[in-house]
mmCIF file of all heavy atoms, coordinates in Angstrom:
data_MODEL
# 
_entry.id   MODEL 
# 
loop_
_atom_site.group_PDB 
_atom_site.id 
_atom_site.type_symbol 
_atom_site.label_atom_id 
_atom_site.label_alt_id 
_atom_site.label_comp_id 
_atom_site.label_asym_id 
_atom_site.label_entity_id 
_atom_site.label_seq_id 
_atom_site.pdbx_PDB_ins_code 
_atom_site.Cartn_x 
_atom_site.Cartn_y 
_atom_site.Cartn_z 
_atom_site.occupancy 
_atom_site.B_iso_or_equiv 
_atom_site.pdbx_formal_charge 
_atom_site.auth_seq_id 
_atom_site.auth_comp_id 
_atom_site.auth_asym_id 
_atom_site.auth_atom_id 
_atom_site.pdbx_PDB_model_num 
ATOM 1   N N   . SER A 1 1  ? 116.092 62.466 99.277  1.00 0.00 ? 1  SER A N   1 
ATOM 2   C CA  . SER A 1 1  ? 116.249 63.333 100.450 1.00 0.00 ? 1  SER A CA  1 
ATOM 3   C C   . SER A 1 1  ? 115.095 64.310 100.630 1.00 0.00 ? 1  SER A C   1 
ATOM 4   O O   . SER A 1 1  ? 114.883 64.829 101.728 1.00 0.00 ? 1  SER A O   1 
ATOM 5   C CB  . SER A 1 1  ? 117.564 64.104 100.361 1.00 0.00 ? 1  SER A CB  1 
ATOM 6   O OG  . SER A 1 1  ? 117.597 64.909 99.192  1.00 0.00 ? 1  SER A OG  1 
ATOM 7   N N   . VAL A 1 2  ? 114.341 64.563 99.551  1.00 0.00 ? 2  VAL A N   1 
ATOM 8   C CA  . VAL A 1 2  ? 113.253 65.544 99.639  1.00 0.00 ? 2  VAL A CA  1 
ATOM 9   C C   . VAL A 1 2  ? 111.898 64.954 99.289  1.00 0.00 ? 2  VAL A C   1 
ATOM 10  O O   . VAL A 1 2  ? 110.874 65.644 99.396  1.00 0.00 ? 2  VAL A O   1 
ATOM 11  C CB  . VAL A 1 2  ? 113.532 66.778 98.755  1.00 0.00 ? 2  VAL A CB  1 
ATOM 12  C CG1 . VAL A 1 2  ? 114.865 67.408 99.148  1.00 0.00 ? 2  VAL A CG1 1 
ATOM 13  C CG2 . VAL A 1 2  ? 113.510 66.412 97.281  1.00 0.00 ? 2  VAL A CG2 1 
ATOM 14  N N   . LYS A 1 3  ? 111.878 63.697 98.885  1.00 0.00 ? 3  LYS A N   1 
ATOM 15  C CA  . LYS A 1 3  ? 110.622 63.072 98.476  1.00 0.00 ? 3  LYS A CA  1 
ATOM 16  C C   . LYS A 1 3  ? 109.637 63.081 99.636  1.00 0.00 ? 3  LYS A C   1 
ATOM 17  O O   . LYS A 1 3  ? 109.975 62.715 100.757 1.00 0.00 ? 3  LYS A O   1 
ATOM 18  C CB  . LYS A 1 3  ? 110.900 61.638 98.007  1.00 0.00 ? 3  LYS A CB  1 
ATOM 19  C CG  . LYS A 1 3  ? 109.816 61.009 97.186  1.00 0.00 ? 3  LYS A CG  1 
ATOM 20  C CD  . LYS A 1 3  ? 110.273 59.673 96.642  1.00 0.00 ? 3  LYS A CD  1 
ATOM 21  C CE  . LYS A 1 3  ? 111.400 59.811 95.655  1.00 0.00 ? 3  LYS A CE  1 
ATOM 22  N NZ  . LYS A 1 3  ? 111.813 58.511 95.065  1.00 0.00 ? 3  LYS A NZ  1 
ATOM 23  N N   . GLY A 1 4  ? 108.422 63.531 99.360  1.00 0.00 ? 4  GLY A N   1 
ATOM 24  C CA  . GLY A 1 4  ? 107.398 63.601 100.388 1.00 0.00 ? 4  GLY A CA  1 
ATOM 25  C C   . GLY A 1 4  ? 107.374 64.917 101.149 1.00 0.00 ? 4  GLY A C   1 
ATOM 26  O O   . GLY A 1 4  ? 106.411 65.205 101.860 1.00 0.00 ? 4  GLY A O   1 
ATOM 27  N N   . ARG A 1 5  ? 108.441 65.711 101.006 1.00 0.00 ? 5  ARG A N   1 
ATOM 28  C CA  . ARG A 1 5  ? 108.481 67.016 101.693 1.00 0.00 ? 5  ARG A CA  1 
ATOM 29  C C   . ARG A 1 5  ? 108.444 68.187 100.700 1.00 0.00 ? 5  ARG A C   1 
ATOM 30  O O   . ARG A 1 5  ? 107.886 69.235 101.017 1.00 0.00 ? 5  ARG A O   1 
ATOM 31  C CB  . ARG A 1 5  ? 109.760 67.130 102.519 1.00 0.00 ? 5  ARG A CB  1 
ATOM 32  C CG  . ARG A 1 5  ? 109.874 66.114 103.641 1.00 0.00 ? 5  ARG A CG  1 
ATOM 33  C CD  . ARG A 1 5  ? 111.036 66.454 104.566 1.00 0.00 ? 5  ARG A CD  1 
ATOM 34  N NE  . ARG A 1 5  ? 112.323 66.464 103.877 1.00 0.00 ? 5  ARG A NE  1 
ATOM 35  C CZ  . ARG A 1 5  ? 113.171 67.496 103.894 1.00 0.00 ? 5  ARG A CZ  1 
ATOM 36  N NH1 . ARG A 1 5  ? 112.869 68.606 104.561 1.00 0.00 ? 5  ARG A NH1 1 
ATOM 37  N NH2 . ARG A 1 5  ? 114.333 67.415 103.257 1.00 0.00 ? 5  ARG A NH2 1 
ATOM 38  N N   . PHE A 1 6  ? 109.064 68.005 99.545  1.00 0.00 ? 6  PHE A N   1 
ATOM 39  C CA  . PHE A 1 6  ? 109.140 69.059 98.531  1.00 0.00 ? 6  PHE A CA  1 
ATOM 40  C C   . PHE A 1 6  ? 108.253 68.702 97.347  1.00 0.00 ? 6  PHE A C   1 
ATOM 41  O O   . PHE A 1 6  ? 108.127 67.524 96.990  1.00 0.00 ? 6  PHE A O   1 
ATOM 42  C CB  . PHE A 1 6  ? 110.569 69.235 98.036  1.00 0.00 ? 6  PHE A CB  1 
ATOM 43  C CG  . PHE A 1 6  ? 111.534 69.808 99.038  1.00 0.00 ? 6  PHE A CG  1 
ATOM 44  C CD1 . PHE A 1 6  ? 111.204 69.963 100.374 1.00 0.00 ? 6  PHE A CD1 1 
ATOM 45  C CD2 . PHE A 1 6  ? 112.817 70.170 98.630  1.00 0.00 ? 6  PHE A CD2 1 
ATOM 46  C CE1 . PHE A 1 6  ? 112.102 70.482 101.289 1.00 0.00 ? 6  PHE A CE1 1 
ATOM 47  C CE2 . PHE A 1 6  ? 113.732 70.692 99.524  1.00 0.00 ? 6  PHE A CE2 1 
ATOM 48  C CZ  . PHE A 1 6  ? 113.375 70.849 100.854 1.00 0.00 ? 6  PHE A CZ  1 
ATOM 49  N N   . THR A 1 7  ? 107.684 69.730 96.729  1.00 0.00 ? 7  THR A N   1 
ATOM 50  C CA  . THR A 1 7  ? 106.857 69.536 95.549  1.00 0.00 ? 7  THR A CA  1 
ATOM 51  C C   . THR A 1 7  ? 107.245 70.550 94.479  1.00 0.00 ? 7  THR A C   1 
ATOM 52  O O   . THR A 1 7  ? 107.241 71.756 94.744  1.00 0.00 ? 7  THR A O   1 
ATOM 53  C CB  . THR A 1 7  ? 105.367 69.693 95.872  1.00 0.00 ? 7  THR A CB  1 
ATOM 54  O OG1 . THR A 1 7  ? 104.995 68.759 96.895  1.00 0.00 ? 7  THR A OG1 1 
ATOM 55  C CG2 . THR A 1 7  ? 104.518 69.447 94.634  1.00 0.00 ? 7  THR A CG2 1 
ATOM 56  N N   . ILE A 1 8  ? 107.583 70.049 93.301  1.00 0.00 ? 8  ILE A N   1 
ATOM 57  C CA  . ILE A 1 8  ? 107.885 70.925 92.177  1.00 0.00 ? 8  ILE A CA  1 
ATOM 58  C C   . ILE A 1 8  ? 106.638 71.057 91.312  1.00 0.00 ? 8  ILE A C   1 
ATOM 59  O O   . ILE A 1 8  ? 105.888 70.089 91.121  1.00 0.00 ? 8  ILE A O   1 
ATOM 60  C CB  . ILE A 1 8  ? 109.083 70.385 91.351  1.00 0.00 ? 8  ILE A CB  1 
ATOM 61  C CG1 . ILE A 1 8  ? 109.535 71.404 90.315  1.00 0.00 ? 8  ILE A CG1 1 
ATOM 62  C CG2 . ILE A 1 8  ? 108.762 69.038 90.715  1.00 0.00 ? 8  ILE A CG2 1 
ATOM 63  C CD1 . ILE A 1 8  ? 110.849 71.016 89.621  1.00 0.00 ? 8  ILE A CD1 1 
ATOM 64  N N   . SER A 1 9  ? 106.414 72.260 90.806  1.00 0.00 ? 9  SER A N   1 
ATOM 65  C CA  . SER A 1 9  ? 105.271 72.496 89.921  1.00 0.00 ? 9  SER A CA  1 
ATOM 66  C C   . SER A 1 9  ? 105.646 73.606 88.952  1.00 0.00 ? 9  SER A C   1 
ATOM 67  O O   . SER A 1 9  ? 106.655 74.294 89.138  1.00 0.00 ? 9  SER A O   1 
ATOM 68  C CB  . SER A 1 9  ? 104.023 72.869 90.725  1.00 0.00 ? 9  SER A CB  1 
ATOM 69  O OG  . SER A 1 9  ? 104.234 74.066 91.447  1.00 0.00 ? 9  SER A OG  1 
ATOM 70  N N   . ARG A 1 10 ? 104.825 73.771 87.935  1.00 0.00 ? 10 ARG A N   1 
ATOM 71  C CA  . ARG A 1 10 ? 105.103 74.804 86.946  1.00 0.00 ? 10 ARG A CA  1 
ATOM 72  C C   . ARG A 1 10 ? 103.806 75.437 86.488  1.00 0.00 ? 10 ARG A C   1 
ATOM 73  O O   . ARG A 1 10 ? 102.752 74.795 86.462  1.00 0.00 ? 10 ARG A O   1 
ATOM 74  C CB  . ARG A 1 10 ? 105.880 74.233 85.766  1.00 0.00 ? 10 ARG A CB  1 
ATOM 75  C CG  . ARG A 1 10 ? 105.130 73.234 84.909  1.00 0.00 ? 10 ARG A CG  1 
ATOM 76  C CD  . ARG A 1 10 ? 106.087 72.505 83.943  1.00 0.00 ? 10 ARG A CD  1 
ATOM 77  N NE  . ARG A 1 10 ? 106.703 73.421 83.001  1.00 0.00 ? 10 ARG A NE  1 
ATOM 78  C CZ  . ARG A 1 10 ? 107.811 73.139 82.313  1.00 0.00 ? 10 ARG A CZ  1 
ATOM 79  N NH1 . ARG A 1 10 ? 108.400 71.962 82.464  1.00 0.00 ? 10 ARG A NH1 1 
ATOM 80  N NH2 . ARG A 1 10 ? 108.311 74.026 81.464  1.00 0.00 ? 10 ARG A NH2 1 
ATOM 81  N N   . ASP A 1 11 ? 103.918 76.716 86.110  1.00 0.00 ? 11 ASP A N   1 
ATOM 82  C CA  . ASP A 1 11 ? 102.811 77.449 85.526  1.00 0.00 ? 11 ASP A CA  1 
ATOM 83  C C   . ASP A 1 11 ? 103.323 77.996 84.197  1.00 0.00 ? 11 ASP A C   1 
ATOM 84  O O   . ASP A 1 11 ? 104.040 79.005 84.165  1.00 0.00 ? 11 ASP A O   1 
ATOM 85  C CB  . ASP A 1 11 ? 102.370 78.576 86.457  1.00 0.00 ? 11 ASP A CB  1 
ATOM 86  C CG  . ASP A 1 11 ? 101.141 79.304 85.966  1.00 0.00 ? 11 ASP A CG  1 
ATOM 87  O OD1 . ASP A 1 11 ? 100.882 79.260 84.742  1.00 0.00 ? 11 ASP A OD1 1 
ATOM 88  O OD2 . ASP A 1 11 ? 100.455 79.937 86.778  1.00 0.00 ? 11 ASP A OD2 1 
ATOM 89  N N   . ASN A 1 12 ? 102.986 77.328 83.117  1.00 0.00 ? 12 ASN A N   1 
ATOM 90  C CA  . ASN A 1 12 ? 103.504 77.732 81.805  1.00 0.00 ? 12 ASN A CA  1 
ATOM 91  C C   . ASN A 1 12 ? 102.975 79.096 81.370  1.00 0.00 ? 12 ASN A C   1 
ATOM 92  O O   . ASN A 1 12 ? 103.636 79.807 80.610  1.00 0.00 ? 12 ASN A O   1 
ATOM 93  C CB  . ASN A 1 12 ? 103.179 76.673 80.763  1.00 0.00 ? 12 ASN A CB  1 
ATOM 94  C CG  . ASN A 1 12 ? 103.994 75.411 80.963  1.00 0.00 ? 12 ASN A CG  1 
ATOM 95  O OD1 . ASN A 1 12 ? 105.058 75.422 81.580  1.00 0.00 ? 12 ASN A OD1 1 
ATOM 96  N ND2 . ASN A 1 12 ? 103.486 74.296 80.454  1.00 0.00 ? 12 ASN A ND2 1 
ATOM 97  N N   . ALA A 1 13 ? 101.806 79.459 81.839  1.00 0.00 ? 13 ALA A N   1 
ATOM 98  C CA  . ALA A 1 13 ? 101.251 80.772 81.486  1.00 0.00 ? 13 ALA A CA  1 
ATOM 99  C C   . ALA A 1 13 ? 102.067 81.900 82.111  1.00 0.00 ? 13 ALA A C   1 
ATOM 100 O O   . ALA A 1 13 ? 102.102 83.013 81.576  1.00 0.00 ? 13 ALA A O   1 
ATOM 101 C CB  . ALA A 1 13 ? 99.803  80.865 81.935  1.00 0.00 ? 13 ALA A CB  1 
ATOM 102 N N   . LYS A 1 14 ? 102.732 81.604 83.236  1.00 0.00 ? 14 LYS A N   1 
ATOM 103 C CA  . LYS A 1 14 ? 103.539 82.605 83.920  1.00 0.00 ? 14 LYS A CA  1 
ATOM 104 C C   . LYS A 1 14 ? 105.034 82.375 83.721  1.00 0.00 ? 14 LYS A C   1 
ATOM 105 O O   . LYS A 1 14 ? 105.851 83.095 84.302  1.00 0.00 ? 14 LYS A O   1 
ATOM 106 C CB  . LYS A 1 14 ? 103.216 82.605 85.413  1.00 0.00 ? 14 LYS A CB  1 
ATOM 107 C CG  . LYS A 1 14 ? 101.793 83.026 85.745  1.00 0.00 ? 14 LYS A CG  1 
ATOM 108 C CD  . LYS A 1 14 ? 101.565 83.046 87.246  1.00 0.00 ? 14 LYS A CD  1 
ATOM 109 C CE  . LYS A 1 14 ? 100.145 83.504 87.571  1.00 0.00 ? 14 LYS A CE  1 
ATOM 110 N NZ  . LYS A 1 14 ? 99.888  83.536 89.031  1.00 0.00 ? 14 LYS A NZ  1 
ATOM 111 N N   . ASN A 1 15 ? 105.385 81.354 82.938  1.00 0.00 ? 15 ASN A N   1 
ATOM 112 C CA  . ASN A 1 15 ? 106.803 81.022 82.714  1.00 0.00 ? 15 ASN A CA  1 
ATOM 113 C C   . ASN A 1 15 ? 107.543 80.859 84.039  1.00 0.00 ? 15 ASN A C   1 
ATOM 114 O O   . ASN A 1 15 ? 108.683 81.333 84.199  1.00 0.00 ? 15 ASN A O   1 
ATOM 115 C CB  . ASN A 1 15 ? 107.495 82.102 81.869  1.00 0.00 ? 15 ASN A CB  1 
ATOM 116 C CG  . ASN A 1 15 ? 107.084 82.051 80.416  1.00 0.00 ? 15 ASN A CG  1 
ATOM 117 O OD1 . ASN A 1 15 ? 106.340 81.169 79.996  1.00 0.00 ? 15 ASN A OD1 1 
ATOM 118 N ND2 . ASN A 1 15 ? 107.565 83.002 79.642  1.00 0.00 ? 15 ASN A ND2 1 
ATOM 119 N N   . THR A 1 16 ? 106.914 80.170 84.962  1.00 0.00 ? 16 THR A N   1 
ATOM 120 C CA  . THR A 1 16 ? 107.455 80.060 86.313  1.00 0.00 ? 16 THR A CA  1 
ATOM 121 C C   . THR A 1 16 ? 107.396 78.621 86.800  1.00 0.00 ? 16 THR A C   1 
ATOM 122 O O   . THR A 1 16 ? 106.414 77.911 86.562  1.00 0.00 ? 16 THR A O   1 
ATOM 123 C CB  . THR A 1 16 ? 106.689 80.971 87.279  1.00 0.00 ? 16 THR A CB  1 
ATOM 124 O OG1 . THR A 1 16 ? 106.783 82.329 86.827  1.00 0.00 ? 16 THR A OG1 1 
ATOM 125 C CG2 . THR A 1 16 ? 107.265 80.891 88.685  1.00 0.00 ? 16 THR A CG2 1 
ATOM 126 N N   . VAL A 1 17 ? 108.461 78.221 87.489  1.00 0.00 ? 17 VAL A N   1 
ATOM 127 C CA  . VAL A 1 17 ? 108.495 76.937 88.159  1.00 0.00 ? 17 VAL A CA  1 
ATOM 128 C C   . VAL A 1 17 ? 108.626 77.200 89.658  1.00 0.00 ? 17 VAL A C   1 
ATOM 129 O O   . VAL A 1 17 ? 109.269 78.177 90.073  1.00 0.00 ? 17 VAL A O   1 
ATOM 130 C CB  . VAL A 1 17 ? 109.646 76.052 87.631  1.00 0.00 ? 17 VAL A CB  1 
ATOM 131 C CG1 . VAL A 1 17 ? 111.004 76.681 87.888  1.00 0.00 ? 17 VAL A CG1 1 
ATOM 132 C CG2 . VAL A 1 17 ? 109.578 74.653 88.216  1.00 0.00 ? 17 VAL A CG2 1 
ATOM 133 N N   . TYR A 1 18 ? 108.007 76.344 90.442  1.00 0.00 ? 18 TYR A N   1 
ATOM 134 C CA  . TYR A 1 18 ? 107.966 76.524 91.890  1.00 0.00 ? 18 TYR A CA  1 
ATOM 135 C C   . TYR A 1 18 ? 108.560 75.307 92.601  1.00 0.00 ? 18 TYR A C   1 
ATOM 136 O O   . TYR A 1 18 ? 108.575 74.206 92.059  1.00 0.00 ? 18 TYR A O   1 
ATOM 137 C CB  . TYR A 1 18 ? 106.523 76.697 92.365  1.00 0.00 ? 18 TYR A CB  1 
ATOM 138 C CG  . TYR A 1 18 ? 105.785 77.826 91.700  1.00 0.00 ? 18 TYR A CG  1 
ATOM 139 C CD1 . TYR A 1 18 ? 104.948 77.581 90.609  1.00 0.00 ? 18 TYR A CD1 1 
ATOM 140 C CD2 . TYR A 1 18 ? 105.923 79.138 92.145  1.00 0.00 ? 18 TYR A CD2 1 
ATOM 141 C CE1 . TYR A 1 18 ? 104.261 78.607 89.984  1.00 0.00 ? 18 TYR A CE1 1 
ATOM 142 C CE2 . TYR A 1 18 ? 105.244 80.180 91.534  1.00 0.00 ? 18 TYR A CE2 1 
ATOM 143 C CZ  . TYR A 1 18 ? 104.409 79.905 90.451  1.00 0.00 ? 18 TYR A CZ  1 
ATOM 144 O OH  . TYR A 1 18 ? 103.744 80.929 89.838  1.00 0.00 ? 18 TYR A OH  1 
ATOM 145 N N   . LEU A 1 19 ? 109.003 75.560 93.820  1.00 0.00 ? 19 LEU A N   1 
ATOM 146 C CA  . LEU A 1 19 ? 109.400 74.466 94.700  1.00 0.00 ? 19 LEU A CA  1 
ATOM 147 C C   . LEU A 1 19 ? 108.783 74.747 96.065  1.00 0.00 ? 19 LEU A C   1 
ATOM 148 O O   . LEU A 1 19 ? 109.204 75.664 96.771  1.00 0.00 ? 19 LEU A O   1 
ATOM 149 C CB  . LEU A 1 19 ? 110.915 74.348 94.820  1.00 0.00 ? 19 LEU A CB  1 
ATOM 150 C CG  . LEU A 1 19 ? 111.388 73.128 95.607  1.00 0.00 ? 19 LEU A CG  1 
ATOM 151 C CD1 . LEU A 1 19 ? 111.071 71.832 94.841  1.00 0.00 ? 19 LEU A CD1 1 
ATOM 152 C CD2 . LEU A 1 19 ? 112.885 73.200 95.910  1.00 0.00 ? 19 LEU A CD2 1 
ATOM 153 N N   . GLN A 1 20 ? 107.756 73.971 96.386  1.00 0.00 ? 20 GLN A N   1 
ATOM 154 C CA  . GLN A 1 20 ? 107.132 74.066 97.699  1.00 0.00 ? 20 GLN A CA  1 
ATOM 155 C C   . GLN A 1 20 ? 107.901 73.158 98.646  1.00 0.00 ? 20 GLN A C   1 
ATOM 156 O O   . GLN A 1 20 ? 108.025 71.956 98.400  1.00 0.00 ? 20 GLN A O   1 
ATOM 157 C CB  . GLN A 1 20 ? 105.673 73.634 97.635  1.00 0.00 ? 20 GLN A CB  1 
ATOM 158 C CG  . GLN A 1 20 ? 104.965 73.628 98.975  1.00 0.00 ? 20 GLN A CG  1 
ATOM 159 C CD  . GLN A 1 20 ? 104.807 75.017 99.564  1.00 0.00 ? 20 GLN A CD  1 
ATOM 160 O OE1 . GLN A 1 20 ? 104.448 75.955 98.859  1.00 0.00 ? 20 GLN A OE1 1 
ATOM 161 N NE2 . GLN A 1 20 ? 105.067 75.153 100.860 1.00 0.00 ? 20 GLN A NE2 1 
ATOM 162 N N   . MET A 1 21 ? 108.417 73.749 99.726  1.00 0.00 ? 21 MET A N   1 
ATOM 163 C CA  . MET A 1 21 ? 109.238 73.000 100.668 1.00 0.00 ? 21 MET A CA  1 
ATOM 164 C C   . MET A 1 21 ? 108.562 72.991 102.032 1.00 0.00 ? 21 MET A C   1 
ATOM 165 O O   . MET A 1 21 ? 108.329 74.052 102.623 1.00 0.00 ? 21 MET A O   1 
ATOM 166 C CB  . MET A 1 21 ? 110.627 73.639 100.779 1.00 0.00 ? 21 MET A CB  1 
ATOM 167 C CG  . MET A 1 21 ? 111.327 73.803 99.432  1.00 0.00 ? 21 MET A CG  1 
ATOM 168 S SD  . MET A 1 21 ? 113.021 74.379 99.582  1.00 0.00 ? 21 MET A SD  1 
ATOM 169 C CE  . MET A 1 21 ? 112.756 76.020 100.240 1.00 0.00 ? 21 MET A CE  1 
ATOM 170 N N   . ASN A 1 22 ? 108.235 71.815 102.501 1.00 0.00 ? 22 ASN A N   1 
ATOM 171 C CA  . ASN A 1 22 ? 107.579 71.637 103.797 1.00 0.00 ? 22 ASN A CA  1 
ATOM 172 C C   . ASN A 1 22 ? 108.479 70.838 104.728 1.00 0.00 ? 22 ASN A C   1 
ATOM 173 O O   . ASN A 1 22 ? 109.423 70.175 104.298 1.00 0.00 ? 22 ASN A O   1 
ATOM 174 C CB  . ASN A 1 22 ? 106.240 70.927 103.625 1.00 0.00 ? 22 ASN A CB  1 
ATOM 175 C CG  . ASN A 1 22 ? 105.272 71.695 102.751 1.00 0.00 ? 22 ASN A CG  1 
ATOM 176 O OD1 . ASN A 1 22 ? 105.256 72.924 102.736 1.00 0.00 ? 22 ASN A OD1 1 
ATOM 177 N ND2 . ASN A 1 22 ? 104.449 70.961 102.023 1.00 0.00 ? 22 ASN A ND2 1 
ATOM 178 N N   . SER A 1 23 ? 108.157 70.886 106.009 1.00 0.00 ? 23 SER A N   1 
ATOM 179 C CA  . SER A 1 23 ? 108.901 70.127 107.025 1.00 0.00 ? 23 SER A CA  1 
ATOM 180 C C   . SER A 1 23 ? 110.399 70.349 106.886 1.00 0.00 ? 23 SER A C   1 
ATOM 181 O O   . SER A 1 23 ? 111.188 69.396 106.876 1.00 0.00 ? 23 SER A O   1 
ATOM 182 C CB  . SER A 1 23 ? 108.569 68.634 106.905 1.00 0.00 ? 23 SER A CB  1 
ATOM 183 O OG  . SER A 1 23 ? 107.190 68.405 107.052 1.00 0.00 ? 23 SER A OG  1 
ATOM 184 N N   . LEU A 1 24 ? 110.773 71.601 106.787 1.00 0.00 ? 24 LEU A N   1 
ATOM 185 C CA  . LEU A 1 24 ? 112.182 71.915 106.547 1.00 0.00 ? 24 LEU A CA  1 
ATOM 186 C C   . LEU A 1 24 ? 113.053 71.549 107.743 1.00 0.00 ? 24 LEU A C   1 
ATOM 187 O O   . LEU A 1 24 ? 112.629 71.648 108.902 1.00 0.00 ? 24 LEU A O   1 
ATOM 188 C CB  . LEU A 1 24 ? 112.339 73.392 106.208 1.00 0.00 ? 24 LEU A CB  1 
ATOM 189 C CG  . LEU A 1 24 ? 111.908 73.743 104.774 1.00 0.00 ? 24 LEU A CG  1 
ATOM 190 C CD1 . LEU A 1 24 ? 111.653 75.228 104.621 1.00 0.00 ? 24 LEU A CD1 1 
ATOM 191 C CD2 . LEU A 1 24 ? 112.959 73.276 103.790 1.00 0.00 ? 24 LEU A CD2 1 
ATOM 192 N N   . LYS A 1 25 ? 114.274 71.116 107.414 1.00 0.00 ? 25 LYS A N   1 
ATOM 193 C CA  . LYS A 1 25 ? 115.243 70.684 108.413 1.00 0.00 ? 25 LYS A CA  1 
ATOM 194 C C   . LYS A 1 25 ? 116.495 71.553 108.309 1.00 0.00 ? 25 LYS A C   1 
ATOM 195 O O   . LYS A 1 25 ? 116.772 72.118 107.245 1.00 0.00 ? 25 LYS A O   1 
ATOM 196 C CB  . LYS A 1 25 ? 115.627 69.224 108.158 1.00 0.00 ? 25 LYS A CB  1 
ATOM 197 C CG  . LYS A 1 25 ? 114.463 68.267 108.042 1.00 0.00 ? 25 LYS A CG  1 
ATOM 198 C CD  . LYS A 1 25 ? 114.933 66.881 107.622 1.00 0.00 ? 25 LYS A CD  1 
ATOM 199 C CE  . LYS A 1 25 ? 113.787 65.922 107.435 1.00 0.00 ? 25 LYS A CE  1 
ATOM 200 N NZ  . LYS A 1 25 ? 114.233 64.582 107.002 1.00 0.00 ? 25 LYS A NZ  1 
ATOM 201 N N   . PRO A 1 26 ? 117.281 71.630 109.364 1.00 0.00 ? 26 PRO A N   1 
ATOM 202 C CA  . PRO A 1 26 ? 118.530 72.404 109.279 1.00 0.00 ? 26 PRO A CA  1 
ATOM 203 C C   . PRO A 1 26 ? 119.431 71.953 108.130 1.00 0.00 ? 26 PRO A C   1 
ATOM 204 O O   . PRO A 1 26 ? 120.114 72.784 107.514 1.00 0.00 ? 26 PRO A O   1 
ATOM 205 C CB  . PRO A 1 26 ? 119.175 72.145 110.642 1.00 0.00 ? 26 PRO A CB  1 
ATOM 206 C CG  . PRO A 1 26 ? 118.020 71.930 111.563 1.00 0.00 ? 26 PRO A CG  1 
ATOM 207 C CD  . PRO A 1 26 ? 117.011 71.177 110.737 1.00 0.00 ? 26 PRO A CD  1 
ATOM 208 N N   . GLU A 1 27 ? 119.408 70.675 107.810 1.00 0.00 ? 27 GLU A N   1 
ATOM 209 C CA  . GLU A 1 27 ? 120.248 70.176 106.718 1.00 0.00 ? 27 GLU A CA  1 
ATOM 210 C C   . GLU A 1 27 ? 119.743 70.587 105.340 1.00 0.00 ? 27 GLU A C   1 
ATOM 211 O O   . GLU A 1 27 ? 120.413 70.337 104.336 1.00 0.00 ? 27 GLU A O   1 
ATOM 212 C CB  . GLU A 1 27 ? 120.391 68.652 106.783 1.00 0.00 ? 27 GLU A CB  1 
ATOM 213 C CG  . GLU A 1 27 ? 119.085 67.895 106.904 1.00 0.00 ? 27 GLU A CG  1 
ATOM 214 C CD  . GLU A 1 27 ? 118.749 67.542 108.340 1.00 0.00 ? 27 GLU A CD  1 
ATOM 215 O OE1 . GLU A 1 27 ? 118.932 68.402 109.237 1.00 0.00 ? 27 GLU A OE1 1 
ATOM 216 O OE2 . GLU A 1 27 ? 118.284 66.397 108.561 1.00 0.00 ? 27 GLU A OE2 1 
ATOM 217 N N   . ASP A 1 28 ? 118.581 71.235 105.277 1.00 0.00 ? 28 ASP A N   1 
ATOM 218 C CA  . ASP A 1 28 ? 118.106 71.794 104.005 1.00 0.00 ? 28 ASP A CA  1 
ATOM 219 C C   . ASP A 1 28 ? 118.728 73.159 103.731 1.00 0.00 ? 28 ASP A C   1 
ATOM 220 O O   . ASP A 1 28 ? 118.513 73.731 102.660 1.00 0.00 ? 28 ASP A O   1 
ATOM 221 C CB  . ASP A 1 28 ? 116.583 71.929 104.029 1.00 0.00 ? 28 ASP A CB  1 
ATOM 222 C CG  . ASP A 1 28 ? 115.866 70.591 104.069 1.00 0.00 ? 28 ASP A CG  1 
ATOM 223 O OD1 . ASP A 1 28 ? 116.289 69.664 103.361 1.00 0.00 ? 28 ASP A OD1 1 
ATOM 224 O OD2 . ASP A 1 28 ? 114.879 70.483 104.831 1.00 0.00 ? 28 ASP A OD2 1 
# 
């Protein structure tokens, strides 16, 4: 449902994980 629109990444130096969400839809 999110492949190609969302990207997960992590920065171990900052102890942080991210979720970049593009082309958002109302069903998100």
